PDB file of N, CA and C in Angstrom:
ATOM      1  N   UNK A   1     -13.685  66.521-162.547  1.00  0.00           N
ATOM      2  CA  UNK A   1     -14.207  65.259-163.145  1.00  0.00           C
ATOM      3  C   UNK A   1     -15.901  65.327-163.249  1.00  0.00           C
ATOM      4  N   UNK A   2     -16.588  65.102-163.662  1.00  0.00           N
ATOM      5  CA  UNK A   2     -18.236  65.032-163.080  1.00  0.00           C
ATOM      6  C   UNK A   2     -18.730  63.983-162.811  1.00  0.00           C
ATOM      7  N   UNK A   3     -19.763  64.185-161.629  1.00  0.00           N
ATOM      8  CA  UNK A   3     -19.948  63.175-161.053  1.00  0.00           C
ATOM      9  C   UNK A   3     -20.453  61.940-161.550  1.00  0.00           C
ATOM     10  N   UNK A   4     -20.782  61.874-162.786  1.00  0.00           N
ATOM     11  CA  UNK A   4     -21.479  60.662-163.470  1.00  0.00           C
ATOM     12  C   UNK A   4     -20.066  59.998-163.675  1.00  0.00           C
ATOM     13  N   UNK A   5     -19.011  60.627-164.538  1.00  0.00           N
ATOM     14  CA  UNK A   5     -18.110  60.108-164.670  1.00  0.00           C
ATOM     15  C   UNK A   5     -17.627  59.288-163.345  1.00  0.00           C
ATOM     16  N   UNK A   6     -17.435  60.171-162.271  1.00  0.00           N
ATOM     17  CA  UNK A   6     -16.589  59.416-161.252  1.00  0.00           C
ATOM     18  C   UNK A   6     -17.678  58.377-160.715  1.00  0.00           C
ATOM     19  N   UNK A   7     -19.019  58.170-160.560  1.00  0.00           N
ATOM     20  CA  UNK A   7     -19.549  57.091-160.298  1.00  0.00           C
ATOM     21  C   UNK A   7     -19.401  55.622-161.292  1.00  0.00           C
ATOM     22  N   UNK A   8     -19.332  56.020-162.925  1.00  0.00           N
ATOM     23  CA  UNK A   8     -19.175  54.920-163.783  1.00  0.00           C
ATOM     24  C   UNK A   8     -17.406  54.815-163.264  1.00  0.00           C
ATOM     25  N   UNK A   9     -16.748  55.309-162.786  1.00  0.00           N
ATOM     26  CA  UNK A   9     -15.371  54.974-162.414  1.00  0.00           C
ATOM     27  C   UNK A   9     -15.223  53.877-161.738  1.00  0.00           C
ATOM     28  N   UNK A  10     -16.238  54.207-160.219  1.00  0.00           N
ATOM     29  CA  UNK A  10     -16.347  53.543-158.873  1.00  0.00           C
ATOM     30  C   UNK A  10     -17.077  52.049-159.753  1.00  0.00           C
ATOM     31  N   UNK A  11     -17.854  51.931-160.437  1.00  0.00           N
ATOM     32  CA  UNK A  11     -18.495  51.289-160.873  1.00  0.00           C
ATOM     33  C   UNK A  11     -17.471  49.762-161.475  1.00  0.00           C
ATOM     34  N   UNK A  12     -17.044  50.886-162.448  1.00  0.00           N
ATOM     35  CA  UNK A  12     -16.073  49.898-163.076  1.00  0.00           C
ATOM     36  C   UNK A  12     -15.017  49.145-162.016  1.00  0.00           C
ATOM     37  N   UNK A  13     -14.169  49.838-161.409  1.00  0.00           N
ATOM     38  CA  UNK A  13     -13.305  49.325-160.207  1.00  0.00           C
ATOM     39  C   UNK A  13     -13.889  48.325-159.276  1.00  0.00           C
ATOM     40  N   UNK A  14     -15.088  48.502-159.052  1.00  0.00           N
ATOM     41  CA  UNK A  14     -15.734  47.473-158.203  1.00  0.00           C
ATOM     42  C   UNK A  14     -15.941  46.053-158.910  1.00  0.00           C
ATOM     43  N   UNK A  15     -16.535  46.456-160.096  1.00  0.00           N
ATOM     44  CA  UNK A  15     -16.808  45.118-161.355  1.00  0.00           C
ATOM     45  C   UNK A  15     -15.177  44.258-161.503  1.00  0.00           C
ATOM     46  N   UNK A  16     -14.420  45.299-161.686  1.00  0.00           N
ATOM     47  CA  UNK A  16     -13.261  44.558-161.964  1.00  0.00           C
ATOM     48  C   UNK A  16     -12.415  43.962-160.436  1.00  0.00           C
ATOM     49  N   UNK A  17     -12.670  44.527-159.481  1.00  0.00           N
ATOM     50  CA  UNK A  17     -12.034  44.114-158.204  1.00  0.00           C
ATOM     51  C   UNK A  17     -13.012  42.252-157.914  1.00  0.00           C
ATOM     52  N   UNK A  18     -14.158  42.573-158.010  1.00  0.00           N
ATOM     53  CA  UNK A  18     -15.167  41.547-158.302  1.00  0.00           C
ATOM     54  C   UNK A  18     -14.700  40.321-159.027  1.00  0.00           C
ATOM     55  N   UNK A  19     -14.487  40.531-160.014  1.00  0.00           N
ATOM     56  CA  UNK A  19     -13.710  39.670-161.128  1.00  0.00           C
ATOM     57  C   UNK A  19     -12.338  39.291-160.665  1.00  0.00           C
ATOM     58  N   UNK A  20     -11.648  39.668-160.568  1.00  0.00           N
ATOM     59  CA  UNK A  20     -10.600  39.414-159.825  1.00  0.00           C
ATOM     60  C   UNK A  20     -10.500  38.519-159.023  1.00  0.00           C
ATOM     61  N   UNK A  21     -11.363  38.895-157.749  1.00  0.00           N
ATOM     62  CA  UNK A  21     -11.521  37.797-156.768  1.00  0.00           C
ATOM     63  C   UNK A  21     -12.050  36.418-157.421  1.00  0.00           C
ATOM     64  N   UNK A  22     -13.066  36.540-158.007  1.00  0.00           N
ATOM     65  CA  UNK A  22     -13.692  35.334-158.334  1.00  0.00           C
ATOM     66  C   UNK A  22     -12.863  34.362-159.299  1.00  0.00           C
ATOM     67  N   UNK A  23     -11.884  35.221-159.888  1.00  0.00           N
ATOM     68  CA  UNK A  23     -10.781  34.528-160.785  1.00  0.00           C
ATOM     69  C   UNK A  23      -9.545  33.685-159.694  1.00  0.00           C
ATOM     70  N   UNK A  24      -9.219  34.416-158.751  1.00  0.00           N
ATOM     71  CA  UNK A  24      -8.530  34.182-157.793  1.00  0.00           C
ATOM     72  C   UNK A  24      -8.918  32.884-157.156  1.00  0.00           C
ATOM     73  N   UNK A  25     -10.339  33.005-156.623  1.00  0.00           N
ATOM     74  CA  UNK A  25     -10.974  31.639-156.068  1.00  0.00           C
ATOM     75  C   UNK A  25     -10.636  30.642-156.482  1.00  0.00           C
ATOM     76  N   UNK A  26     -11.227  30.687-158.311  1.00  0.00           N
ATOM     77  CA  UNK A  26     -11.467  29.732-159.042  1.00  0.00           C
ATOM     78  C   UNK A  26      -9.901  29.196-159.392  1.00  0.00           C
ATOM     79  N   UNK A  27      -8.855  30.036-159.574  1.00  0.00           N
ATOM     80  CA  UNK A  27      -7.454  29.504-159.678  1.00  0.00           C
ATOM     81  C   UNK A  27      -7.078  28.453-158.288  1.00  0.00           C
ATOM     82  N   UNK A  28      -7.228  29.100-157.574  1.00  0.00           N
ATOM     83  CA  UNK A  28      -7.066  28.563-156.194  1.00  0.00           C
ATOM     84  C   UNK A  28      -7.343  27.167-155.898  1.00  0.00           C
ATOM     85  N   UNK A  29      -8.962  26.923-156.243  1.00  0.00           N
ATOM     86  CA  UNK A  29      -9.662  26.074-156.333  1.00  0.00           C
ATOM     87  C   UNK A  29      -8.740  24.673-157.256  1.00  0.00           C
ATOM     88  N   UNK A  30      -8.840  25.396-158.666  1.00  0.00           N
ATOM     89  CA  UNK A  30      -8.452  24.417-159.269  1.00  0.00           C
ATOM     90  C   UNK A  30      -6.912  24.103-158.929  1.00  0.00           C
ATOM     91  N   UNK A  31      -5.784  24.340-158.252  1.00  0.00           N
ATOM     92  CA  UNK A  31      -4.420  24.378-157.853  1.00  0.00           C
ATOM     93  C   UNK A  31      -4.583  23.465-157.004  1.00  0.00           C
ATOM     94  N   UNK A  32      -5.875  23.718-156.076  1.00  0.00           N
ATOM     95  CA  UNK A  32      -5.939  22.699-154.950  1.00  0.00           C
ATOM     96  C   UNK A  32      -5.843  21.231-155.244  1.00  0.00           C
ATOM     97  N   UNK A  33      -6.924  21.200-156.373  1.00  0.00           N
ATOM     98  CA  UNK A  33      -7.824  19.973-157.088  1.00  0.00           C
ATOM     99  C   UNK A  33      -6.478  19.109-157.410  1.00  0.00           C
ATOM    100  N   UNK A  34      -5.551  20.148-158.505  1.00  0.00           N
ATOM    101  CA  UNK A  34      -4.504  19.385-159.176  1.00  0.00           C
ATOM    102  C   UNK A  34      -3.314  19.058-158.223  1.00  0.00           C
ATOM    103  N   UNK A  35      -3.199  19.758-157.192  1.00  0.00           N
ATOM    104  CA  UNK A  35      -2.213  19.271-156.130  1.00  0.00           C
ATOM    105  C   UNK A  35      -2.446  18.098-155.447  1.00  0.00           C
ATOM    106  N   UNK A  36      -4.049  18.057-154.915  1.00  0.00           N
ATOM    107  CA  UNK A  36      -4.456  16.728-154.310  1.00  0.00           C
ATOM    108  C   UNK A  36      -4.039  15.373-154.989  1.00  0.00           C
ATOM    109  N   UNK A  37      -3.849  15.348-156.575  1.00  0.00           N
ATOM    110  CA  UNK A  37      -3.867  14.289-157.324  1.00  0.00           C
ATOM    111  C   UNK A  37      -2.493  14.041-157.634  1.00  0.00           C
ATOM    112  N   UNK A  38      -1.329  14.871-157.192  1.00  0.00           N
ATOM    113  CA  UNK A  38       0.005  14.633-157.584  1.00  0.00           C
ATOM    114  C   UNK A  38       0.545  13.766-156.443  1.00  0.00           C
ATOM    115  N   UNK A  39       1.569  13.041-156.462  1.00  0.00           N
ATOM    116  CA  UNK A  39       2.462  12.602-154.961  1.00  0.00           C
ATOM    117  C   UNK A  39       2.817  13.984-154.547  1.00  0.00           C
ATOM    118  N   UNK A  40       2.942  13.554-153.172  1.00  0.00           N
ATOM    119  CA  UNK A  40       3.785  14.854-152.353  1.00  0.00           C
ATOM    120  C   UNK A  40       4.759  15.306-152.741  1.00  0.00           C
ATOM    121  N   UNK A  41       6.038  14.467-153.221  1.00  0.00           N
ATOM    122  CA  UNK A  41       7.356  14.776-153.498  1.00  0.00           C
ATOM    123  C   UNK A  41       7.480  15.925-154.445  1.00  0.00           C
ATOM    124  N   UNK A  42       6.418  15.970-155.400  1.00  0.00           N
ATOM    125  CA  UNK A  42       6.327  16.700-156.649  1.00  0.00           C
ATOM    126  C   UNK A  42       6.273  18.551-156.212  1.00  0.00           C
ATOM    127  N   UNK A  43       6.897  19.271-156.670  1.00  0.00           N
ATOM    128  CA  UNK A  43       6.938  21.083-156.520  1.00  0.00           C
ATOM    129  C   UNK A  43       5.444  21.229-156.927  1.00  0.00           C
ATOM    130  N   UNK A  44       4.454  21.965-156.182  1.00  0.00           N
ATOM    131  CA  UNK A  44       3.233  22.536-156.390  1.00  0.00           C
ATOM    132  C   UNK A  44       3.445  23.388-157.674  1.00  0.00           C
ATOM    133  N   UNK A  45       4.591  24.027-158.102  1.00  0.00           N
ATOM    134  CA  UNK A  45       4.791  24.963-159.265  1.00  0.00           C
ATOM    135  C   UNK A  45       5.024  24.007-160.321  1.00  0.00           C
ATOM    136  N   UNK A  46       4.288  23.848-161.367  1.00  0.00           N
ATOM    137  CA  UNK A  46       5.224  23.199-162.746  1.00  0.00           C
ATOM    138  C   UNK A  46       6.181  23.350-163.138  1.00  0.00           C
ATOM    139  N   UNK A  47       6.253  24.758-163.281  1.00  0.00           N
ATOM    140  CA  UNK A  47       7.384  25.327-163.758  1.00  0.00           C
ATOM    141  C   UNK A  47       8.572  25.727-163.100  1.00  0.00           C
ATOM    142  N   UNK A  48       8.723  25.430-161.765  1.00  0.00           N
ATOM    143  CA  UNK A  48       9.872  25.651-160.767  1.00  0.00           C
ATOM    144  C   UNK A  48      10.643  24.278-161.212  1.00  0.00           C
TER     145      UNK A  48
END
């Protein structure tokens, strides 16, 4: 593997990791907001 390809792969992996982290944080914040607005006796997961 050439150094350029390796550098590009590392950059892509870092970008994907950052995107996943941002998505997870956004989903968690959304779930927290939704769970605050519902009664406590309802399950947190709507599909359960």
